[in-house]
């Protein structure tokens, strides 16, 4: 999927269609303080090994792509729901 670097779309802050800059979100480091991670650390600590069986089967064919749009008028960013795509490319990079 190819998307232009600048695209005209609706800005929820200006409440009208304006020019937006497109940016692909990067995955950030997972927090060690989250409830699920604390539970996982407790289960894997000490003797006994991994608490769950390894996942079977193949990977999914597409990945969720999170895009962030910055309005060029008000400079605010918004992030619509992510889309699935095999390839994602921002034109003009």
PDB file of N, CA and C in Angstrom:
ATOM      1  N   UNK A   1       0.844  -1.173   0.000  1.00  0.00           N
ATOM      2  CA  UNK A   1       0.000   0.000   0.000  1.00  0.00           C
ATOM      3  C   UNK A   1       0.890   1.237   0.000  1.00  0.00           C
ATOM      4  N   UNK A   2       0.677   2.116  -0.953  1.00  0.00           N
ATOM      5  CA  UNK A   2       1.432   3.355  -1.030  1.00  0.00           C
ATOM      6  C   UNK A   2       0.516   4.506  -0.634  1.00  0.00           C
ATOM      7  N   UNK A   3       1.055   5.418   0.153  1.00  0.00           N
ATOM      8  CA  UNK A   3       0.288   6.577   0.599  1.00  0.00           C
ATOM      9  C   UNK A   3       1.176   7.805   0.412  1.00  0.00           C
ATOM     10  N   UNK A   4       0.621   8.919  -0.078  1.00  0.00           N
ATOM     11  CA  UNK A   4       1.457  10.113  -0.270  1.00  0.00           C
ATOM     12  C   UNK A   4       1.899  10.727   1.055  1.00  0.00           C
ATOM     13  N   UNK A   5       2.993  11.496   1.014  1.00  0.00           N
ATOM     14  CA  UNK A   5       3.550  12.129   2.203  1.00  0.00           C
ATOM     15  C   UNK A   5       2.580  13.165   2.781  1.00  0.00           C
ATOM     16  N   UNK A   6       1.901  13.907   1.900  1.00  0.00           N
ATOM     17  CA  UNK A   6       0.894  14.882   2.336  1.00  0.00           C
ATOM     18  C   UNK A   6      -0.429  14.506   1.695  1.00  0.00           C
ATOM     19  N   UNK A   7      -1.477  14.498   2.505  1.00  0.00           N
ATOM     20  CA  UNK A   7      -2.791  14.076   2.028  1.00  0.00           C
ATOM     21  C   UNK A   7      -3.851  15.003   2.624  1.00  0.00           C
ATOM     22  N   UNK A   8      -4.903  15.251   1.847  1.00  0.00           N
ATOM     23  CA  UNK A   8      -5.981  16.097   2.341  1.00  0.00           C
ATOM     24  C   UNK A   8      -7.034  15.197   2.982  1.00  0.00           C
ATOM     25  N   UNK A   9      -7.314  15.442   4.265  1.00  0.00           N
ATOM     26  CA  UNK A   9      -8.300  14.647   4.987  1.00  0.00           C
ATOM     27  C   UNK A   9      -8.939  15.476   6.091  1.00  0.00           C
ATOM     28  N   UNK A  10      -9.925  14.902   6.740  1.00  0.00           N
ATOM     29  CA  UNK A  10     -10.693  15.629   7.759  1.00  0.00           C
ATOM     30  C   UNK A  10      -9.898  15.771   9.047  1.00  0.00           C
ATOM     31  N   UNK A  11      -9.866  16.985   9.575  1.00  0.00           N
ATOM     32  CA  UNK A  11      -9.214  17.235  10.868  1.00  0.00           C
ATOM     33  C   UNK A  11     -10.299  17.381  11.926  1.00  0.00           C
ATOM     34  N   UNK A  12     -10.303  16.520  12.959  1.00  0.00           N
ATOM     35  CA  UNK A  12     -11.346  16.609  13.989  1.00  0.00           C
ATOM     36  C   UNK A  12     -11.217  17.845  14.879  1.00  0.00           C
ATOM     37  N   UNK A  13     -10.064  18.499  14.866  1.00  0.00           N
ATOM     38  CA  UNK A  13      -9.864  19.686  15.704  1.00  0.00           C
ATOM     39  C   UNK A  13     -10.308  20.954  14.971  1.00  0.00           C
ATOM     40  N   UNK A  14      -9.955  21.052  13.673  1.00  0.00           N
ATOM     41  CA  UNK A  14     -10.402  22.198  12.862  1.00  0.00           C
ATOM     42  C   UNK A  14     -11.843  22.018  12.390  1.00  0.00           C
ATOM     43  N   UNK A  15     -12.319  20.782  12.390  1.00  0.00           N
ATOM     44  CA  UNK A  15     -13.656  20.406  11.923  1.00  0.00           C
ATOM     45  C   UNK A  15     -13.868  20.728  10.435  1.00  0.00           C
ATOM     46  N   UNK A  16     -12.797  20.524   9.641  1.00  0.00           N
ATOM     47  CA  UNK A  16     -12.896  20.680   8.192  1.00  0.00           C
ATOM     48  C   UNK A  16     -11.747  19.904   7.531  1.00  0.00           C
ATOM     49  N   UNK A  17     -11.803  19.771   6.236  1.00  0.00           N
ATOM     50  CA  UNK A  17     -10.748  19.069   5.504  1.00  0.00           C
ATOM     51  C   UNK A  17      -9.544  19.991   5.325  1.00  0.00           C
ATOM     52  N   UNK A  18      -8.372  19.503   5.749  1.00  0.00           N
ATOM     53  CA  UNK A  18      -7.129  20.257   5.606  1.00  0.00           C
ATOM     54  C   UNK A  18      -6.035  19.313   5.136  1.00  0.00           C
ATOM     55  N   UNK A  19      -4.878  19.880   4.819  1.00  0.00           N
ATOM     56  CA  UNK A  19      -3.730  19.089   4.388  1.00  0.00           C
ATOM     57  C   UNK A  19      -3.049  18.480   5.618  1.00  0.00           C
ATOM     58  N   UNK A  20      -2.741  17.196   5.551  1.00  0.00           N
ATOM     59  CA  UNK A  20      -2.109  16.486   6.672  1.00  0.00           C
ATOM     60  C   UNK A  20      -0.804  15.854   6.231  1.00  0.00           C
ATOM     61  N   UNK A  21       0.157  15.783   7.154  1.00  0.00           N
ATOM     62  CA  UNK A  21       1.403  15.058   6.925  1.00  0.00           C
ATOM     63  C   UNK A  21       1.244  13.663   7.519  1.00  0.00           C
ATOM     64  N   UNK A  22       1.664  12.653   6.766  1.00  0.00           N
ATOM     65  CA  UNK A  22       1.493  11.260   7.177  1.00  0.00           C
ATOM     66  C   UNK A  22       2.774  10.768   7.833  1.00  0.00           C
ATOM     67  N   UNK A  23       2.626  10.021   8.921  1.00  0.00           N
ATOM     68  CA  UNK A  23       3.772   9.466   9.633  1.00  0.00           C
ATOM     69  C   UNK A  23       3.425   8.047  10.084  1.00  0.00           C
ATOM     70  N   UNK A  24       4.348   7.119   9.926  1.00  0.00           N
ATOM     71  CA  UNK A  24       4.129   5.743  10.366  1.00  0.00           C
ATOM     72  C   UNK A  24       4.591   5.615  11.811  1.00  0.00           C
ATOM     73  N   UNK A  25       3.726   5.046  12.637  1.00  0.00           N
ATOM     74  CA  UNK A  25       4.065   4.885  14.053  1.00  0.00           C
ATOM     75  C   UNK A  25       5.030   3.727  14.236  1.00  0.00           C
ATOM     76  N   UNK A  26       5.966   3.909  15.160  1.00  0.00           N
ATOM     77  CA  UNK A  26       6.896   2.840  15.507  1.00  0.00           C
ATOM     78  C   UNK A  26       6.432   2.200  16.807  1.00  0.00           C
ATOM     79  N   UNK A  27       6.685   0.914  16.947  1.00  0.00           N
ATOM     80  CA  UNK A  27       6.296   0.226  18.168  1.00  0.00           C
ATOM     81  C   UNK A  27       7.244   0.635  19.287  1.00  0.00           C
ATOM     82  N   UNK A  28       6.663   1.038  20.414  1.00  0.00           N
ATOM     83  CA  UNK A  28       7.507   1.442  21.530  1.00  0.00           C
ATOM     84  C   UNK A  28       7.784   0.250  22.429  1.00  0.00           C
ATOM     85  N   UNK A  29       8.751   0.418  23.323  1.00  0.00           N
ATOM     86  CA  UNK A  29       9.128  -0.653  24.232  1.00  0.00           C
ATOM     87  C   UNK A  29       7.981  -0.924  25.202  1.00  0.00           C
ATOM     88  N   UNK A  30       7.671  -2.190  25.403  1.00  0.00           N
ATOM     89  CA  UNK A  30       6.573  -2.556  26.298  1.00  0.00           C
ATOM     90  C   UNK A  30       6.957  -2.241  27.744  1.00  0.00           C
ATOM     91  N   UNK A  31       5.991  -1.760  28.507  1.00  0.00           N
ATOM     92  CA  UNK A  31       6.242  -1.388  29.891  1.00  0.00           C
ATOM     93  C   UNK A  31       6.356  -2.646  30.756  1.00  0.00           C
ATOM     94  N   UNK A  32       7.344  -2.651  31.644  1.00  0.00           N
ATOM     95  CA  UNK A  32       7.538  -3.777  32.564  1.00  0.00           C
ATOM     96  C   UNK A  32       6.560  -3.723  33.733  1.00  0.00           C
ATOM     97  N   UNK A  33       5.867  -2.604  33.896  1.00  0.00           N
ATOM     98  CA  UNK A  33       4.964  -2.444  35.036  1.00  0.00           C
ATOM     99  C   UNK A  33       3.522  -2.819  34.724  1.00  0.00           C
ATOM    100  N   UNK A  34       3.220  -3.202  33.485  1.00  0.00           N
ATOM    101  CA  UNK A  34       1.858  -3.579  33.122  1.00  0.00           C
ATOM    102  C   UNK A  34       1.470  -4.886  33.808  1.00  0.00           C
ATOM    103  N   UNK A  35       0.175  -5.060  34.054  1.00  0.00           N
ATOM    104  CA  UNK A  35      -0.322  -6.212  34.807  1.00  0.00           C
ATOM    105  C   UNK A  35       0.045  -7.538  34.149  1.00  0.00           C
ATOM    106  N   UNK A  36      -0.157  -7.641  32.845  1.00  0.00           N
ATOM    107  CA  UNK A  36       0.151  -8.888  32.147  1.00  0.00           C
ATOM    108  C   UNK A  36       1.627  -9.214  32.173  1.00  0.00           C
ATOM    109  N   UNK A  37       2.477  -8.202  32.070  1.00  0.00           N
ATOM    110  CA  UNK A  37       3.927  -8.428  32.089  1.00  0.00           C
ATOM    111  C   UNK A  37       4.390  -8.844  33.480  1.00  0.00           C
ATOM    112  N   UNK A  38       3.801  -8.275  34.505  1.00  0.00           N
ATOM    113  CA  UNK A  38       4.151  -8.664  35.876  1.00  0.00           C
ATOM    114  C   UNK A  38       3.764 -10.119  36.126  1.00  0.00           C
ATOM    115  N   UNK A  39       2.589 -10.518  35.647  1.00  0.00           N
ATOM    116  CA  UNK A  39       2.126 -11.896  35.789  1.00  0.00           C
ATOM    117  C   UNK A  39       3.053 -12.850  35.024  1.00  0.00           C
ATOM    118  N   UNK A  40       3.458 -12.446  33.818  1.00  0.00           N
ATOM    119  CA  UNK A  40       4.343 -13.265  32.990  1.00  0.00           C
ATOM    120  C   UNK A  40       5.710 -13.438  33.656  1.00  0.00           C
ATOM    121  N   UNK A  41       6.253 -12.364  34.211  1.00  0.00           N
ATOM    122  CA  UNK A  41       7.561 -12.431  34.887  1.00  0.00           C
ATOM    123  C   UNK A  41       7.500 -13.362  36.099  1.00  0.00           C
ATOM    124  N   UNK A  42       6.388 -13.282  36.846  1.00  0.00           N
ATOM    125  CA  UNK A  42       6.250 -14.142  38.020  1.00  0.00           C
ATOM    126  C   UNK A  42       6.152 -15.607  37.610  1.00  0.00           C
ATOM    127  N   UNK A  43       5.466 -15.889  36.493  1.00  0.00           N
ATOM    128  CA  UNK A  43       5.283 -17.269  36.047  1.00  0.00           C
ATOM    129  C   UNK A  43       6.570 -17.852  35.487  1.00  0.00           C
ATOM    130  N   UNK A  44       7.410 -17.028  34.866  1.00  0.00           N
ATOM    131  CA  UNK A  44       8.644 -17.541  34.254  1.00  0.00           C
ATOM    132  C   UNK A  44       9.838 -17.510  35.203  1.00  0.00           C
ATOM    133  N   UNK A  45       9.701 -16.873  36.356  1.00  0.00           N
ATOM    134  CA  UNK A  45      10.833 -16.797  37.269  1.00  0.00           C
ATOM    135  C   UNK A  45      11.042 -18.135  37.984  1.00  0.00           C
ATOM    136  N   UNK A  46      12.251 -18.382  38.393  1.00  0.00           N
ATOM    137  CA  UNK A  46      12.568 -19.606  39.131  1.00  0.00           C
ATOM    138  C   UNK A  46      12.601 -20.836  38.241  1.00  0.00           C
ATOM    139  N   UNK A  47      12.312 -21.989  38.802  1.00  0.00           N
ATOM    140  CA  UNK A  47      12.315 -23.244  38.048  1.00  0.00           C
ATOM    141  C   UNK A  47      10.983 -23.444  37.350  1.00  0.00           C
ATOM    142  N   UNK A  48      10.959 -24.260  36.323  1.00  0.00           N
ATOM    143  CA  UNK A  48       9.699 -24.604  35.679  1.00  0.00           C
ATOM    144  C   UNK A  48       9.594 -24.196  34.232  1.00  0.00           C
ATOM    145  N   UNK A  49      10.338 -23.186  33.812  1.00  0.00           N
ATOM    146  CA  UNK A  49      10.339 -22.819  32.399  1.00  0.00           C
ATOM    147  C   UNK A  49       9.133 -22.019  31.970  1.00  0.00           C
ATOM    148  N   UNK A  50       8.841 -22.109  30.694  1.00  0.00           N
ATOM    149  CA  UNK A  50       7.802 -21.284  30.075  1.00  0.00           C
ATOM    150  C   UNK A  50       6.422 -21.769  30.514  1.00  0.00           C
ATOM    151  N   UNK A  51       5.513 -20.850  30.888  1.00  0.00           N
ATOM    152  CA  UNK A  51       4.225 -21.277  31.441  1.00  0.00           C
ATOM    153  C   UNK A  51       3.205 -21.758  30.412  1.00  0.00           C
ATOM    154  N   UNK A  52       3.414 -21.415  29.122  1.00  0.00           N
ATOM    155  CA  UNK A  52       2.430 -21.764  28.098  1.00  0.00           C
ATOM    156  C   UNK A  52       3.107 -22.515  26.959  1.00  0.00           C
ATOM    157  N   UNK A  53       2.348 -23.308  26.197  1.00  0.00           N
ATOM    158  CA  UNK A  53       2.952 -23.964  25.031  1.00  0.00           C
ATOM    159  C   UNK A  53       3.284 -22.946  23.945  1.00  0.00           C
ATOM    160  N   UNK A  54       4.255 -23.262  23.097  1.00  0.00           N
ATOM    161  CA  UNK A  54       4.625 -22.374  21.993  1.00  0.00           C
ATOM    162  C   UNK A  54       3.464 -22.292  21.000  1.00  0.00           C
ATOM    163  N   UNK A  55       3.225 -21.113  20.396  1.00  0.00           N
ATOM    164  CA  UNK A  55       2.119 -21.009  19.432  1.00  0.00           C
ATOM    165  C   UNK A  55       2.386 -21.826  18.176  1.00  0.00           C
ATOM    166  N   UNK A  56       1.378 -22.558  17.736  1.00  0.00           N
ATOM    167  CA  UNK A  56       1.502 -23.400  16.544  1.00  0.00           C
ATOM    168  C   UNK A  56       1.010 -22.642  15.322  1.00  0.00           C
ATOM    169  N   UNK A  57       1.432 -23.082  14.142  1.00  0.00           N
ATOM    170  CA  UNK A  57       0.937 -22.500  12.897  1.00  0.00           C
ATOM    171  C   UNK A  57       1.855 -21.438  12.350  1.00  0.00           C
ATOM    172  N   UNK A  58       1.391 -20.769  11.296  1.00  0.00           N
ATOM    173  CA  UNK A  58       2.213 -19.788  10.603  1.00  0.00           C
ATOM    174  C   UNK A  58       1.850 -18.369  11.015  1.00  0.00           C
ATOM    175  N   UNK A  59       2.655 -17.420  10.543  1.00  0.00           N
ATOM    176  CA  UNK A  59       2.376 -16.015  10.810  1.00  0.00           C
ATOM    177  C   UNK A  59       1.225 -15.544   9.946  1.00  0.00           C
ATOM    178  N   UNK A  60       0.616 -14.465  10.339  1.00  0.00           N
ATOM    179  CA  UNK A  60      -0.442 -13.867   9.517  1.00  0.00           C
ATOM    180  C   UNK A  60       0.198 -13.200   8.302  1.00  0.00           C
ATOM    181  N   UNK A  61      -0.581 -13.115   7.222  1.00  0.00           N
ATOM    182  CA  UNK A  61      -0.034 -12.577   5.973  1.00  0.00           C
ATOM    183  C   UNK A  61       0.064 -11.062   5.983  1.00  0.00           C
ATOM    184  N   UNK A  62      -0.712 -10.398   6.820  1.00  0.00           N
ATOM    185  CA  UNK A  62      -0.675  -8.940   6.856  1.00  0.00           C
ATOM    186  C   UNK A  62      -0.453  -8.464   8.285  1.00  0.00           C
ATOM    187  N   UNK A  63       0.059  -7.253   8.395  1.00  0.00           N
ATOM    188  CA  UNK A  63       0.327  -6.640   9.692  1.00  0.00           C
ATOM    189  C   UNK A  63      -0.566  -5.423   9.874  1.00  0.00           C
ATOM    190  N   UNK A  64      -0.827  -5.057  11.108  1.00  0.00           N
ATOM    191  CA  UNK A  64      -1.580  -3.835  11.373  1.00  0.00           C
ATOM    192  C   UNK A  64      -0.629  -2.645  11.277  1.00  0.00           C
ATOM    193  N   UNK A  65      -0.990  -1.674  10.459  1.00  0.00           N
ATOM    194  CA  UNK A  65      -0.169  -0.491  10.264  1.00  0.00           C
ATOM    195  C   UNK A  65      -0.841   0.679  10.975  1.00  0.00           C
ATOM    196  N   UNK A  66      -0.115   1.281  11.918  1.00  0.00           N
ATOM    197  CA  UNK A  66      -0.638   2.444  12.628  1.00  0.00           C
ATOM    198  C   UNK A  66      -0.073   3.699  11.974  1.00  0.00           C
ATOM    199  N   UNK A  67      -0.952   4.568  11.500  1.00  0.00           N
ATOM    200  CA  UNK A  67      -0.531   5.816  10.869  1.00  0.00           C
ATOM    201  C   UNK A  67      -0.978   6.986  11.724  1.00  0.00           C
ATOM    202  N   UNK A  68      -0.164   8.036  11.710  1.00  0.00           N
ATOM    203  CA  UNK A  68      -0.465   9.243  12.474  1.00  0.00           C
ATOM    204  C   UNK A  68      -0.520  10.406  11.495  1.00  0.00           C
ATOM    205  N   UNK A  69      -1.525  11.240  11.617  1.00  0.00           N
ATOM    206  CA  UNK A  69      -1.703  12.367  10.708  1.00  0.00           C
ATOM    207  C   UNK A  69      -1.573  13.663  11.483  1.00  0.00           C
ATOM    208  N   UNK A  70      -0.735  14.597  10.951  1.00  0.00           N
ATOM    209  CA  UNK A  70      -0.567  15.891  11.584  1.00  0.00           C
ATOM    210  C   UNK A  70      -1.154  16.959  10.677  1.00  0.00           C
ATOM    211  N   UNK A  71      -2.086  17.720  11.213  1.00  0.00           N
ATOM    212  CA  UNK A  71      -2.730  18.801  10.466  1.00  0.00           C
ATOM    213  C   UNK A  71      -1.723  19.928  10.274  1.00  0.00           C
ATOM    214  N   UNK A  72      -1.604  20.439   9.045  1.00  0.00           N
ATOM    215  CA  UNK A  72      -0.652  21.518   8.780  1.00  0.00           C
ATOM    216  C   UNK A  72      -1.186  22.877   9.225  1.00  0.00           C
ATOM    217  N   UNK A  73      -2.490  22.964   9.511  1.00  0.00           N
ATOM    218  CA  UNK A  73      -3.081  24.239   9.941  1.00  0.00           C
ATOM    219  C   UNK A  73      -2.946  24.410  11.453  1.00  0.00           C
ATOM    220  N   UNK A  74      -3.474  23.447  12.222  1.00  0.00           N
ATOM    221  CA  UNK A  74      -3.461  23.577  13.686  1.00  0.00           C
ATOM    222  C   UNK A  74      -2.312  22.812  14.339  1.00  0.00           C
ATOM    223  N   UNK A  75      -1.555  22.042  13.567  1.00  0.00           N
ATOM    224  CA  UNK A  75      -0.370  21.278  14.033  1.00  0.00           C
ATOM    225  C   UNK A  75      -0.709  20.192  15.057  1.00  0.00           C
ATOM    226  N   UNK A  76      -1.996  19.804  15.141  1.00  0.00           N
ATOM    227  CA  UNK A  76      -2.369  18.733  16.061  1.00  0.00           C
ATOM    228  C   UNK A  76      -2.362  17.408  15.325  1.00  0.00           C
ATOM    229  N   UNK A  77      -2.051  16.336  16.074  1.00  0.00           N
ATOM    230  CA  UNK A  77      -1.989  15.005  15.483  1.00  0.00           C
ATOM    231  C   UNK A  77      -3.193  14.195  15.903  1.00  0.00           C
ATOM    232  N   UNK A  78      -3.633  13.315  15.017  1.00  0.00           N
ATOM    233  CA  UNK A  78      -4.654  12.340  15.383  1.00  0.00           C
ATOM    234  C   UNK A  78      -4.319  11.025  14.704  1.00  0.00           C
ATOM    235  N   UNK A  79      -4.772   9.954  15.337  1.00  0.00           N
ATOM    236  CA  UNK A  79      -4.439   8.610  14.873  1.00  0.00           C
ATOM    237  C   UNK A  79      -5.725   7.812  14.691  1.00  0.00           C
ATOM    238  N   UNK A  80      -6.144   7.606  13.428  1.00  0.00           N
ATOM    239  CA  UNK A  80      -7.348   6.813  13.187  1.00  0.00           C
ATOM    240  C   UNK A  80      -7.091   5.330  13.471  1.00  0.00           C
ATOM    241  N   UNK A  81      -8.116   4.490  13.470  1.00  0.00           N
ATOM    242  CA  UNK A  81      -7.894   3.058  13.682  1.00  0.00           C
ATOM    243  C   UNK A  81      -6.914   2.485  12.656  1.00  0.00           C
ATOM    244  N   UNK A  82      -6.083   1.546  13.085  1.00  0.00           N
ATOM    245  CA  UNK A  82      -5.049   0.999  12.215  1.00  0.00           C
ATOM    246  C   UNK A  82      -5.656   0.130  11.117  1.00  0.00           C
ATOM    247  N   UNK A  83      -4.900  -0.020  10.022  1.00  0.00           N
ATOM    248  CA  UNK A  83      -5.353  -0.793   8.870  1.00  0.00           C
ATOM    249  C   UNK A  83      -4.408  -1.967   8.667  1.00  0.00           C
ATOM    250  N   UNK A  84      -4.900  -3.010   7.999  1.00  0.00           N
ATOM    251  CA  UNK A  84      -4.062  -4.171   7.714  1.00  0.00           C
ATOM    252  C   UNK A  84      -3.506  -4.060   6.300  1.00  0.00           C
ATOM    253  N   UNK A  85      -2.213  -4.382   6.154  1.00  0.00           N
ATOM    254  CA  UNK A  85      -1.584  -4.331   4.848  1.00  0.00           C
ATOM    255  C   UNK A  85      -0.326  -5.184   4.866  1.00  0.00           C
ATOM    256  N   UNK A  86      -0.024  -5.806   3.709  1.00  0.00           N
ATOM    257  CA  UNK A  86       1.206  -6.593   3.611  1.00  0.00           C
ATOM    258  C   UNK A  86       2.420  -5.666   3.572  1.00  0.00           C
ATOM    259  N   UNK A  87       2.349  -4.655   2.706  1.00  0.00           N
ATOM    260  CA  UNK A  87       3.423  -3.677   2.584  1.00  0.00           C
ATOM    261  C   UNK A  87       2.837  -2.289   2.850  1.00  0.00           C
ATOM    262  N   UNK A  88       3.664  -1.420   3.405  1.00  0.00           N
ATOM    263  CA  UNK A  88       3.228  -0.044   3.624  1.00  0.00           C
ATOM    264  C   UNK A  88       4.390   0.866   3.267  1.00  0.00           C
ATOM    265  N   UNK A  89       4.130   1.836   2.410  1.00  0.00           N
ATOM    266  CA  UNK A  89       5.197   2.721   1.945  1.00  0.00           C
ATOM    267  C   UNK A  89       4.654   4.137   1.856  1.00  0.00           C
ATOM    268  N   UNK A  90       5.408   5.095   2.398  1.00  0.00           N
ATOM    269  CA  UNK A  90       5.050   6.502   2.279  1.00  0.00           C
ATOM    270  C   UNK A  90       5.854   7.068   1.123  1.00  0.00           C
ATOM    271  N   UNK A  91       5.145   7.567   0.110  1.00  0.00           N
ATOM    272  CA  UNK A  91       5.826   8.091  -1.081  1.00  0.00           C
ATOM    273  C   UNK A  91       6.510   9.412  -0.740  1.00  0.00           C
ATOM    274  N   UNK A  92       7.693   9.615  -1.294  1.00  0.00           N
ATOM    275  CA  UNK A  92       8.429  10.843  -1.066  1.00  0.00           C
ATOM    276  C   UNK A  92       9.483  10.699   0.016  1.00  0.00           C
ATOM    277  N   UNK A  93       9.759   9.487   0.454  1.00  0.00           N
ATOM    278  CA  UNK A  93      10.817   9.276   1.465  1.00  0.00           C
ATOM    279  C   UNK A  93      12.064   8.750   0.812  1.00  0.00           C
TER     280      UNK A  93
END
